[in-house]
Amino acid sequence: MNVFVTGGAGYIGSVCVEELINAGHTVTVFDNLTEGHRSAVDARAKFVHADLADRDTVFAAVKSAGAEAVIHFAANALVGESMTNPSKYFRNNVASGLNLIDAAVAAGVKKFVFSSTCATYGPPERVPMDESLPQRPINPYGESKLMFEQILKWYQQLHGLEFVAFRYFNAAGASGQFGEHHRIESHLIPNVLFVAQGKKSQVEIFGTDYPTPDGTCIRDYIHIADLSQAHILALTPGKSGFFNLGNGEGFSVKQVIATCEQVTGCKIPVVEKPRRAGDPPRLVAAATKAITELGWKPQFPKLEQIVTTAWNWHQKHPNGYAD
C-alpha cells in the first residue's frame, strides 16, 4: 500500500516506517522536525518537511502521495507540559489532527491508524487494563487523545473512514538502525542508560512507598518493533476499533534499573525522592483484544531483550541523532 506517516521522524514513527518498508509498503513521511530528526527517516521513504497546522499543505501532500492509508504518530506527548500549556496540546493534537483526517477523507483514504495512549483512561479501576475501562483522563495530553478518538468514531460513521486506534503503554527498545532520542527525555529506560553512558550522574526514583512488591511504580514496557508490527496488521481491511498495546506484564522502577545494570555491566546510582502527583502505582495492559482480533503477538516480551536493544543503539549513537 501507499502509506502516509505523520511523525515518521520521531522515535516510534521511525521504526514503524522501517518496518513498513521492509514489509513491502511505499511510505511518505510528513514531519515538521520539532521533535523528530531528519536522520531518523528511513532513506527509502519519501520525506515531506511541513506542519500539520498548514491545512492546504496537508491536503496537497496526502493527495500527492496517493495515500491509501494514513498512520498518525505526530503529537505532543509530555504530560507535565500539557498541564502548563494546554493550548499547545489541543491545537496540535486535535486541531492539526483534524486537518489530517479531513485531508484523508478528501483523498479517498480507506484506513486511518492512530497513536493513542493509555493516558485516556486516567487512574484505572482495575489492572490489567482492558478496553472496557471508563476513560477519564487527568491531564490535557490524555484528554486531547481521547478527543481525537471520538473524532475517529464519527468520521467512520459519517464518512466510512475505517480506523484503528492503539492505546500505547510504554514504548521502549530500538531497532538496529533507529532508537530513542527525545529533546526532553522523560522515559525511564533511556534516562537509566544515560547514567551507564556517563551522561548523567544518577537516576531519580519518585516514590518507594507504593503498594507494590518493592515499593516502586510498575509499568508495562513494549518493544518498539512489536508496536510497529501491530500497526502493519492494522492496515488489513476490515480491522477496526480501539486496542491496547502492551506486554501484559509489569516491571517496577527498581526492576528496570537492575536490568539496566545487568545489561550494561555498570552500577547505576539512584536518588530516592517523594512521589509525583498523579502517578498510579500500577499500569499494565490487557492486550488480549489485539492478540485475538489482529493476530498480534509480541516477539520481544522480556525486559532484558528490550533494554539490550536500547543499550546497543545508545552505544552506537552516544549522542543520539546529533551524531
Protein backbone atom coordinates (compact mmCIF):
# COMPACT_ATOMS: atom_id res chain seq x y z
CA MET A 1 0.00 0.00 0.00
CA ASN A 2 0.91 3.67 -0.24
CA VAL A 3 1.10 4.69 3.43
CA PHE A 4 1.26 8.32 4.61
CA VAL A 5 3.02 8.52 8.01
CA THR A 6 2.93 11.66 10.12
CA GLY A 7 5.61 11.94 12.78
CA GLY A 8 7.75 9.43 10.89
CA ALA A 9 10.94 11.20 12.03
CA GLY A 10 10.10 10.55 15.67
CA TYR A 11 11.00 7.61 17.90
CA ILE A 12 8.03 5.32 17.26
CA GLY A 13 7.43 6.62 13.74
CA SER A 14 10.99 5.99 12.55
CA VAL A 15 10.92 2.30 13.47
CA CYS A 16 7.41 1.83 12.10
CA VAL A 17 8.44 3.38 8.76
CA GLU A 18 11.42 0.99 8.62
CA GLU A 19 9.14 -2.00 9.31
CA LEU A 20 6.51 -0.82 6.81
CA ILE A 21 9.07 -0.58 4.01
CA ASN A 22 10.57 -3.95 4.96
CA ALA A 23 7.05 -5.38 4.63
CA GLY A 24 6.76 -4.05 1.06
CA HIS A 25 4.78 -0.83 1.59
CA THR A 26 5.59 2.51 -0.04
CA VAL A 27 5.91 5.25 2.58
CA THR A 28 5.69 9.04 2.59
CA VAL A 29 6.85 10.65 5.87
CA PHE A 30 5.35 14.00 6.86
CA ASP A 31 7.08 15.70 9.80
CA ASN A 32 7.84 19.24 10.98
CA LEU A 33 11.03 18.06 12.80
CA THR A 34 10.22 19.96 16.00
CA GLU A 35 10.54 16.68 17.91
CA GLY A 36 11.78 14.26 15.25
CA HIS A 37 15.12 14.08 13.43
CA ARG A 38 15.73 14.13 9.69
CA SER A 39 18.38 11.41 10.02
CA ALA A 40 15.79 9.17 11.71
CA VAL A 41 13.80 8.91 8.47
CA ASP A 42 14.46 5.70 6.55
CA ALA A 43 16.33 6.60 3.34
CA ARG A 44 13.85 4.53 1.33
CA ALA A 45 10.91 6.76 2.31
CA LYS A 46 9.84 9.99 0.64
CA PHE A 47 10.10 12.90 3.10
CA VAL A 48 7.90 15.99 3.32
CA HIS A 49 9.10 18.67 5.76
CA ALA A 50 5.90 20.50 6.71
CA ASP A 51 3.47 21.14 9.56
CA LEU A 52 0.02 19.63 10.09
CA ALA A 53 -1.22 23.08 11.11
CA ASP A 54 -0.87 24.14 7.46
CA ARG A 55 -4.16 22.76 6.16
CA ASP A 56 -3.57 23.39 2.45
CA THR A 57 -0.13 21.76 2.56
CA VAL A 58 -1.55 18.70 4.37
CA PHE A 59 -4.31 18.27 1.76
CA ALA A 60 -1.81 18.58 -1.09
CA ALA A 61 0.68 16.17 0.48
CA VAL A 62 -1.86 13.41 1.18
CA LYS A 63 -3.24 13.70 -2.35
CA SER A 64 0.21 13.81 -3.98
CA ALA A 65 1.28 10.68 -2.07
CA GLY A 66 -1.64 8.71 -3.47
CA ALA A 67 -2.21 7.62 0.11
CA GLU A 68 -4.32 4.51 0.66
CA ALA A 69 -3.71 4.54 4.42
CA VAL A 70 -2.62 7.12 6.99
CA ILE A 71 -0.70 6.32 10.17
CA HIS A 72 -0.80 9.31 12.51
CA PHE A 73 2.04 9.47 15.06
CA ALA A 74 2.60 13.24 15.12
CA ALA A 75 1.67 14.65 18.54
CA ASN A 76 2.98 16.45 21.57
CA ALA A 77 3.25 13.90 24.35
CA LEU A 78 4.69 15.40 27.57
CA VAL A 79 2.14 15.11 30.35
CA GLY A 80 3.75 17.80 32.51
CA GLU A 81 3.95 20.29 29.65
CA SER A 82 0.30 19.67 28.82
CA MET A 83 -0.59 20.83 32.35
CA THR A 84 1.25 24.14 31.87
CA ASN A 85 0.49 24.71 28.17
CA PRO A 86 -2.83 23.02 27.36
CA SER A 87 -3.37 25.22 24.30
CA LYS A 88 -0.36 23.64 22.56
CA TYR A 89 -1.80 20.16 23.10
CA PHE A 90 -5.32 20.90 21.91
CA ARG A 91 -4.06 22.85 18.90
CA ASN A 92 -1.56 20.23 17.75
CA ASN A 93 -3.18 17.00 18.87
CA VAL A 94 -6.77 17.92 17.98
CA ALA A 95 -6.98 20.89 15.59
CA SER A 96 -3.99 19.86 13.45
CA GLY A 97 -5.22 16.28 13.56
CA LEU A 98 -8.49 17.48 12.05
CA ASN A 99 -6.57 18.89 9.10
CA LEU A 100 -5.07 15.46 8.52
CA ILE A 101 -8.26 13.44 8.83
CA ASP A 102 -10.12 15.87 6.55
CA ALA A 103 -7.31 15.52 4.00
CA ALA A 104 -7.60 11.73 4.27
CA VAL A 105 -11.33 11.84 3.56
CA ALA A 106 -10.84 14.26 0.63
CA ALA A 107 -8.18 11.98 -0.90
CA GLY A 108 -10.28 8.83 -0.57
CA VAL A 109 -8.03 7.19 2.04
CA LYS A 110 -9.50 3.88 3.21
CA LYS A 111 -7.74 3.34 6.55
CA PHE A 112 -6.61 5.65 9.35
CA VAL A 113 -4.34 4.28 12.12
CA PHE A 114 -3.97 6.49 15.19
CA SER A 115 -1.44 6.53 18.01
CA SER A 116 -3.48 7.00 21.15
CA THR A 117 -2.41 6.37 24.74
CA CYS A 118 -3.31 4.62 27.97
CA ALA A 119 -3.46 8.16 29.42
CA THR A 120 -7.03 8.32 28.06
CA TYR A 121 -8.06 6.00 30.91
CA GLY A 122 -6.68 8.05 33.77
CA PRO A 123 -6.15 6.17 37.05
CA PRO A 124 -7.52 2.69 36.29
CA GLU A 125 -10.28 1.00 38.23
CA ARG A 126 -8.54 -2.34 37.78
CA VAL A 127 -5.33 -3.87 36.46
CA PRO A 128 -4.63 -5.39 33.93
CA MET A 129 -6.39 -2.67 31.96
CA ASP A 130 -8.67 -3.70 29.11
CA GLU A 131 -10.52 -1.57 26.56
CA SER A 132 -13.80 -1.64 28.50
CA LEU A 133 -12.44 0.60 31.27
CA PRO A 134 -14.01 4.05 31.55
CA GLN A 135 -11.89 6.80 30.02
CA ARG A 136 -11.29 9.63 32.49
CA PRO A 137 -8.03 11.40 31.58
CA ILE A 138 -6.50 13.62 34.24
CA ASN A 139 -4.32 15.82 32.00
CA PRO A 140 -4.75 17.73 28.72
CA TYR A 141 -2.47 15.28 26.90
CA GLY A 142 -4.77 12.34 27.64
CA GLU A 143 -7.84 14.50 27.02
CA SER A 144 -6.54 15.60 23.60
CA LYS A 145 -6.00 11.99 22.55
CA LEU A 146 -9.46 10.99 23.77
CA MET A 147 -10.99 13.87 21.81
CA PHE A 148 -9.37 12.60 18.63
CA GLU A 149 -10.60 9.07 19.36
CA GLN A 150 -14.14 10.50 19.40
CA ILE A 151 -13.50 12.26 16.07
CA LEU A 152 -12.41 8.93 14.57
CA LYS A 153 -15.67 7.26 15.59
CA TRP A 154 -17.76 9.98 13.97
CA TYR A 155 -15.67 10.02 10.77
CA GLN A 156 -16.05 6.26 10.41
CA GLN A 157 -19.80 6.57 10.90
CA LEU A 158 -20.28 9.60 8.65
CA HIS A 159 -17.52 9.24 6.05
CA GLY A 160 -16.83 5.50 6.07
CA LEU A 161 -13.18 6.05 7.09
CA GLU A 162 -12.11 2.80 8.73
CA PHE A 163 -9.84 3.38 11.73
CA VAL A 164 -7.70 1.57 14.26
CA ALA A 165 -6.62 3.45 17.38
CA PHE A 166 -3.84 2.00 19.55
CA ARG A 167 -3.64 2.92 23.21
CA TYR A 168 0.07 2.62 23.95
CA PHE A 169 1.61 1.75 27.24
CA ASN A 170 5.42 2.32 27.45
CA ALA A 171 7.28 2.01 24.15
CA ALA A 172 10.93 1.09 24.63
CA GLY A 173 13.91 -0.54 22.92
CA ALA A 174 15.33 0.09 19.45
CA SER A 175 15.80 -1.48 16.04
CA GLY A 176 19.28 -1.98 14.66
CA GLN A 177 19.08 1.37 12.89
CA PHE A 178 16.67 3.60 14.82
CA GLY A 179 16.28 4.38 18.51
CA GLU A 180 15.10 6.80 21.14
CA HIS A 181 16.34 10.40 21.13
CA HIS A 182 13.96 12.96 22.58
CA ARG A 183 14.97 16.56 23.05
CA ILE A 184 13.39 16.34 26.50
CA GLU A 185 13.81 12.76 27.72
CA SER A 186 11.11 11.75 30.20
CA HIS A 187 11.24 7.97 29.73
CA LEU A 188 12.80 5.76 32.39
CA ILE A 189 14.90 3.32 30.34
CA PRO A 190 16.90 5.90 28.34
CA ASN A 191 17.42 8.00 31.46
CA VAL A 192 18.85 4.99 33.29
CA LEU A 193 21.07 4.18 30.30
CA PHE A 194 22.31 7.79 30.27
CA VAL A 195 23.84 7.07 33.69
CA ALA A 196 25.60 3.99 32.30
CA GLN A 197 26.89 6.15 29.44
CA GLY A 198 28.23 8.73 31.87
CA LYS A 199 25.84 11.41 30.60
CA LYS A 200 24.02 11.59 33.94
CA SER A 201 25.35 11.01 37.44
CA GLN A 202 22.29 9.28 38.87
CA VAL A 203 18.71 8.26 38.24
CA GLU A 204 15.81 9.51 40.34
CA ILE A 205 13.16 7.21 41.81
CA PHE A 206 9.94 9.07 42.56
CA GLY A 207 8.28 7.17 45.38
CA THR A 208 9.36 3.99 47.14
CA ASP A 209 6.25 3.53 49.30
CA TYR A 210 3.71 2.36 46.72
CA PRO A 211 1.62 -0.78 47.39
CA THR A 212 3.85 -2.87 45.09
CA PRO A 213 6.31 -5.67 45.93
CA ASP A 214 9.35 -3.35 46.08
CA GLY A 215 7.53 -0.07 46.75
CA THR A 216 8.15 1.48 43.31
CA CYS A 217 5.72 2.05 40.43
CA ILE A 218 5.05 -0.78 38.00
CA ARG A 219 4.69 -0.11 34.27
CA ASP A 220 4.17 -2.19 31.14
CA TYR A 221 7.02 -1.91 28.58
CA ILE A 222 6.53 -2.87 24.94
CA HIS A 223 9.31 -3.22 22.37
CA ILE A 224 9.18 -0.67 19.59
CA ALA A 225 9.36 -3.40 16.90
CA ASP A 226 6.34 -5.16 18.40
CA LEU A 227 4.48 -1.86 18.44
CA SER A 228 5.33 -1.37 14.77
CA GLN A 229 4.10 -4.82 13.79
CA ALA A 230 0.71 -4.04 15.31
CA HIS A 231 0.40 -1.01 13.01
CA ILE A 232 1.16 -3.13 9.96
CA LEU A 233 -1.52 -5.63 10.98
CA ALA A 234 -3.94 -2.73 11.45
CA LEU A 235 -3.74 -1.94 7.73
CA THR A 236 -5.69 -5.13 6.96
CA PRO A 237 -9.12 -4.20 5.52
CA GLY A 238 -11.97 -4.86 7.92
CA LYS A 239 -9.92 -4.39 11.07
CA SER A 240 -11.27 -1.50 13.15
CA GLY A 241 -11.62 -0.26 16.71
CA PHE A 242 -9.64 0.57 19.82
CA PHE A 243 -6.79 -1.65 21.02
CA ASN A 244 -4.42 -1.59 23.98
CA LEU A 245 -0.78 -2.31 23.14
CA GLY A 246 1.36 -3.68 25.94
CA ASN A 247 3.06 -6.87 27.04
CA GLY A 248 0.56 -7.64 29.77
CA GLU A 249 3.37 -7.84 32.30
CA GLY A 250 4.60 -5.04 34.52
CA PHE A 251 8.08 -4.19 35.75
CA SER A 252 8.89 -1.90 38.66
CA VAL A 253 11.26 1.05 38.54
CA LYS A 254 13.76 -0.92 40.62
CA GLN A 255 13.46 -3.92 38.30
CA VAL A 256 14.19 -1.69 35.29
CA ILE A 257 17.27 -0.24 36.99
CA ALA A 258 18.52 -3.70 37.98
CA THR A 259 18.04 -4.98 34.42
CA CYS A 260 19.93 -1.98 33.03
CA GLU A 261 22.78 -2.72 35.44
CA GLN A 262 22.82 -6.34 34.30
CA VAL A 263 22.80 -5.47 30.57
CA THR A 264 25.36 -2.64 30.75
CA GLY A 265 27.62 -4.06 33.46
CA CYS A 266 27.50 -0.64 35.16
CA LYS A 267 26.37 0.29 38.65
CA ILE A 268 23.51 2.81 38.47
CA PRO A 269 23.46 5.25 41.42
CA VAL A 270 19.92 6.19 42.48
CA VAL A 271 18.37 9.02 44.47
CA GLU A 272 15.03 8.37 46.13
CA LYS A 273 12.55 11.24 46.01
CA PRO A 274 8.93 11.71 47.06
CA ARG A 275 6.06 10.51 44.90
CA ARG A 276 4.99 12.64 41.94
CA ALA A 277 1.36 13.74 41.95
CA GLY A 278 -0.86 11.62 39.70
CA ASP A 279 1.45 8.59 39.36
CA PRO A 280 -0.69 5.42 39.70
CA PRO A 281 1.04 2.52 41.47
CA ARG A 282 0.48 0.07 38.59
CA LEU A 283 -0.32 0.41 34.88
CA VAL A 284 -0.38 -2.87 32.97
CA ALA A 285 -2.17 -3.61 29.70
CA ALA A 286 -4.56 -6.38 28.88
CA ALA A 287 -3.76 -6.74 25.16
CA THR A 288 -5.97 -9.78 24.53
CA LYS A 289 -8.09 -7.88 22.01
CA ALA A 290 -5.09 -7.03 19.79
CA ILE A 291 -3.86 -10.60 20.01
CA THR A 292 -7.21 -12.21 19.14
CA GLU A 293 -8.60 -9.69 16.62
CA LEU A 294 -5.42 -8.55 14.86
CA GLY A 295 -3.34 -11.71 15.22
CA TRP A 296 -0.65 -9.70 17.00
CA LYS A 297 1.99 -11.40 19.13
CA PRO A 298 4.89 -9.60 20.85
CA GLN A 299 8.26 -11.04 19.79
CA PHE A 300 10.31 -9.24 22.46
CA PRO A 301 8.33 -9.59 25.70
CA LYS A 302 11.28 -9.81 28.10
CA LEU A 303 12.59 -6.67 29.75
CA GLU A 304 16.18 -7.83 29.19
CA GLN A 305 15.54 -8.03 25.42
CA ILE A 306 14.05 -4.54 25.36
CA VAL A 307 16.87 -2.98 27.38
CA THR A 308 19.57 -4.78 25.37
CA THR A 309 18.34 -3.38 22.05
CA ALA A 310 18.12 0.11 23.56
CA TRP A 311 21.63 -0.15 25.02
CA ASN A 312 23.07 -1.39 21.73
CA TRP A 313 21.60 1.60 19.92
CA HIS A 314 22.78 4.13 22.52
CA GLN A 315 26.29 2.68 22.36
CA LYS A 316 26.34 3.07 18.57
CA HIS A 317 24.83 6.57 18.82
CA PRO A 318 26.23 8.10 22.04
CA ASN A 319 24.83 11.50 21.08
CA GLY A 320 21.64 10.16 19.54
CA TYR A 321 20.87 11.62 16.13
CA ALA A 322 23.18 14.55 16.88
CA ASP A 323 25.96 12.22 15.61
